């Protein structure tokens, strides 16, 4: 009687085809997800800039004092100093400016990515928001 000794050999690794398949799948998923992620970051950054412009406007209106001689037309425009907003939450890649005559215009210029349409957003004293595409109107 002949007894064959059969032992199972455990596989200790992955074949090159399995590794290549996994790399291919990860690449496909990343190529689909990355543009969506970039859009999400851009929309999030845009929303932060909008919030900061509205916060800046509210602070200007709250600090309005026509009797203060250091204020221009009653507004404390020192709330923006050297392009930085003292009451805003945006990071250093946003530059703020206030232009004033009889009314004021708030402007935020973003240095974040390639968002050409919404790099510069404005908000006037009369609530005019530009560009309207960026403000969701």
Protein backbone atom coordinates (compact mmCIF):
# COMPACT_ATOMS: atom_id res chain seq x y z
CA UNK A 1 0.00 0.00 0.00
CA UNK A 2 1.32 3.31 -1.06
CA UNK A 3 0.37 6.41 0.98
CA UNK A 4 0.99 9.74 -0.57
CA UNK A 5 2.00 12.42 1.87
CA UNK A 6 0.17 15.56 0.79
CA UNK A 7 0.94 18.78 2.56
CA UNK A 8 -0.52 22.16 1.83
CA UNK A 9 1.89 24.92 1.03
CA UNK A 10 0.80 28.28 2.35
CA UNK A 11 1.04 31.25 0.06
CA UNK A 12 3.29 33.81 1.69
CA UNK A 13 2.92 36.68 -0.75
CA UNK A 14 1.04 38.25 -3.57
CA UNK A 15 1.68 37.81 -7.23
CA UNK A 16 2.70 40.66 -9.48
CA UNK A 17 -0.70 40.58 -11.20
CA UNK A 18 -2.52 41.00 -7.88
CA UNK A 19 -0.32 43.94 -6.89
CA UNK A 20 -0.76 45.55 -10.31
CA UNK A 21 -4.54 45.14 -10.10
CA UNK A 22 -4.68 46.80 -6.69
CA UNK A 23 -2.50 49.70 -7.87
CA UNK A 24 -4.68 50.13 -10.95
CA UNK A 25 -7.88 50.22 -8.86
CA UNK A 26 -6.40 52.74 -6.41
CA UNK A 27 -5.33 54.93 -9.34
CA UNK A 28 -8.80 54.86 -10.90
CA UNK A 29 -10.49 55.71 -7.62
CA UNK A 30 -8.00 58.54 -6.96
CA UNK A 31 -8.46 60.00 -10.45
CA UNK A 32 -12.21 60.16 -9.87
CA UNK A 33 -12.08 61.45 -6.29
CA UNK A 34 -9.32 64.09 -6.55
CA UNK A 35 -11.14 66.63 -8.78
CA UNK A 36 -14.20 66.37 -6.55
CA UNK A 37 -12.03 66.95 -3.50
CA UNK A 38 -10.44 70.02 -5.12
CA UNK A 39 -13.91 71.44 -5.90
CA UNK A 40 -14.95 70.86 -2.31
CA UNK A 41 -11.88 72.73 -1.03
CA UNK A 42 -12.55 75.64 -3.40
CA UNK A 43 -16.22 75.92 -2.35
CA UNK A 44 -15.23 75.73 1.30
CA UNK A 45 -12.62 78.46 0.89
CA UNK A 46 -15.12 80.62 -1.00
CA UNK A 47 -17.66 80.22 1.80
CA UNK A 48 -15.03 81.26 4.37
CA UNK A 49 -14.24 84.41 2.39
CA UNK A 50 -17.95 85.25 2.10
CA UNK A 51 -18.38 84.78 5.85
CA UNK A 52 -15.43 87.04 6.52
CA UNK A 53 -16.77 89.77 4.24
CA UNK A 54 -20.15 89.63 5.98
CA UNK A 55 -18.46 89.64 9.41
CA UNK A 56 -16.38 92.61 8.37
CA UNK A 57 -19.49 94.46 7.23
CA UNK A 58 -21.31 93.71 10.48
CA UNK A 59 -18.35 94.94 12.52
CA UNK A 60 -18.15 98.14 10.49
CA UNK A 61 -21.83 98.82 11.05
CA UNK A 62 -21.62 97.94 14.75
CA UNK A 63 -18.70 100.34 15.24
CA UNK A 64 -20.30 103.19 13.28
CA UNK A 65 -19.78 106.49 15.11
CA UNK A 66 -20.14 109.72 13.17
CA UNK A 67 -18.82 111.78 16.11
CA UNK A 68 -15.42 110.02 16.27
CA UNK A 69 -12.90 112.18 14.37
CA UNK A 70 -10.56 109.28 13.62
CA UNK A 71 -13.28 107.43 11.70
CA UNK A 72 -13.88 108.11 8.00
CA UNK A 73 -17.53 108.97 7.31
CA UNK A 74 -18.29 107.46 10.71
CA UNK A 75 -16.70 104.08 9.96
CA UNK A 76 -13.65 102.50 11.59
CA UNK A 77 -11.70 101.39 8.53
CA UNK A 78 -8.72 100.44 10.68
CA UNK A 79 -10.45 97.10 11.12
CA UNK A 80 -8.44 96.12 8.02
CA UNK A 81 -4.74 96.71 8.43
CA UNK A 82 -2.17 96.00 5.71
CA UNK A 83 -4.58 93.69 3.91
CA UNK A 84 -5.38 91.64 7.00
CA UNK A 85 -8.77 91.69 8.65
CA UNK A 86 -8.59 91.91 12.44
CA UNK A 87 -12.02 90.30 13.00
CA UNK A 88 -11.94 87.61 10.29
CA UNK A 89 -11.14 83.92 10.38
CA UNK A 90 -9.49 83.55 6.98
CA UNK A 91 -5.91 82.47 6.74
CA UNK A 92 -3.10 84.59 5.36
CA UNK A 93 -3.92 83.69 1.75
CA UNK A 94 -6.76 86.26 1.63
CA UNK A 95 -6.10 89.97 1.31
CA UNK A 96 -8.82 92.41 2.37
CA UNK A 97 -9.36 96.02 1.32
CA UNK A 98 -11.90 98.73 2.02
CA UNK A 99 -12.55 101.55 -0.40
CA UNK A 100 -14.57 104.49 0.76
CA UNK A 101 -16.26 107.56 -0.58
CA UNK A 102 -19.79 108.33 0.58
CA UNK A 103 -20.29 104.57 0.94
CA UNK A 104 -17.86 101.71 1.36
CA UNK A 105 -16.92 98.64 -0.66
CA UNK A 106 -15.31 95.60 0.94
CA UNK A 107 -13.03 93.51 -1.22
CA UNK A 108 -11.37 90.16 -0.59
CA UNK A 109 -8.69 88.90 -2.94
CA UNK A 110 -7.91 85.22 -2.52
CA UNK A 111 -4.58 83.64 -3.31
CA UNK A 112 -5.93 80.10 -3.01
CA UNK A 113 -5.65 77.82 -6.00
CA UNK A 114 -6.82 78.56 -9.52
CA UNK A 115 -10.29 79.92 -8.76
CA UNK A 116 -10.12 82.62 -11.46
CA UNK A 117 -13.80 83.53 -11.34
CA UNK A 118 -13.96 84.15 -7.60
CA UNK A 119 -10.44 85.32 -6.79
CA UNK A 120 -11.78 88.79 -6.01
CA UNK A 121 -15.11 89.09 -4.24
CA UNK A 122 -16.76 92.37 -3.23
CA UNK A 123 -19.55 93.45 -0.92
CA UNK A 124 -20.88 97.01 -0.88
CA UNK A 125 -22.65 98.96 1.81
CA UNK A 126 -25.87 98.53 -0.23
CA UNK A 127 -25.50 94.70 -0.11
CA UNK A 128 -24.38 94.41 -3.74
CA UNK A 129 -22.33 91.22 -3.99
CA UNK A 130 -20.01 90.56 -6.91
CA UNK A 131 -19.41 88.38 -8.80
CA UNK A 132 -22.93 87.06 -8.35
CA UNK A 133 -21.89 83.58 -9.54
CA UNK A 134 -19.66 83.23 -6.48
CA UNK A 135 -22.30 84.35 -4.01
CA UNK A 136 -24.84 81.78 -5.18
CA UNK A 137 -27.44 84.25 -6.37
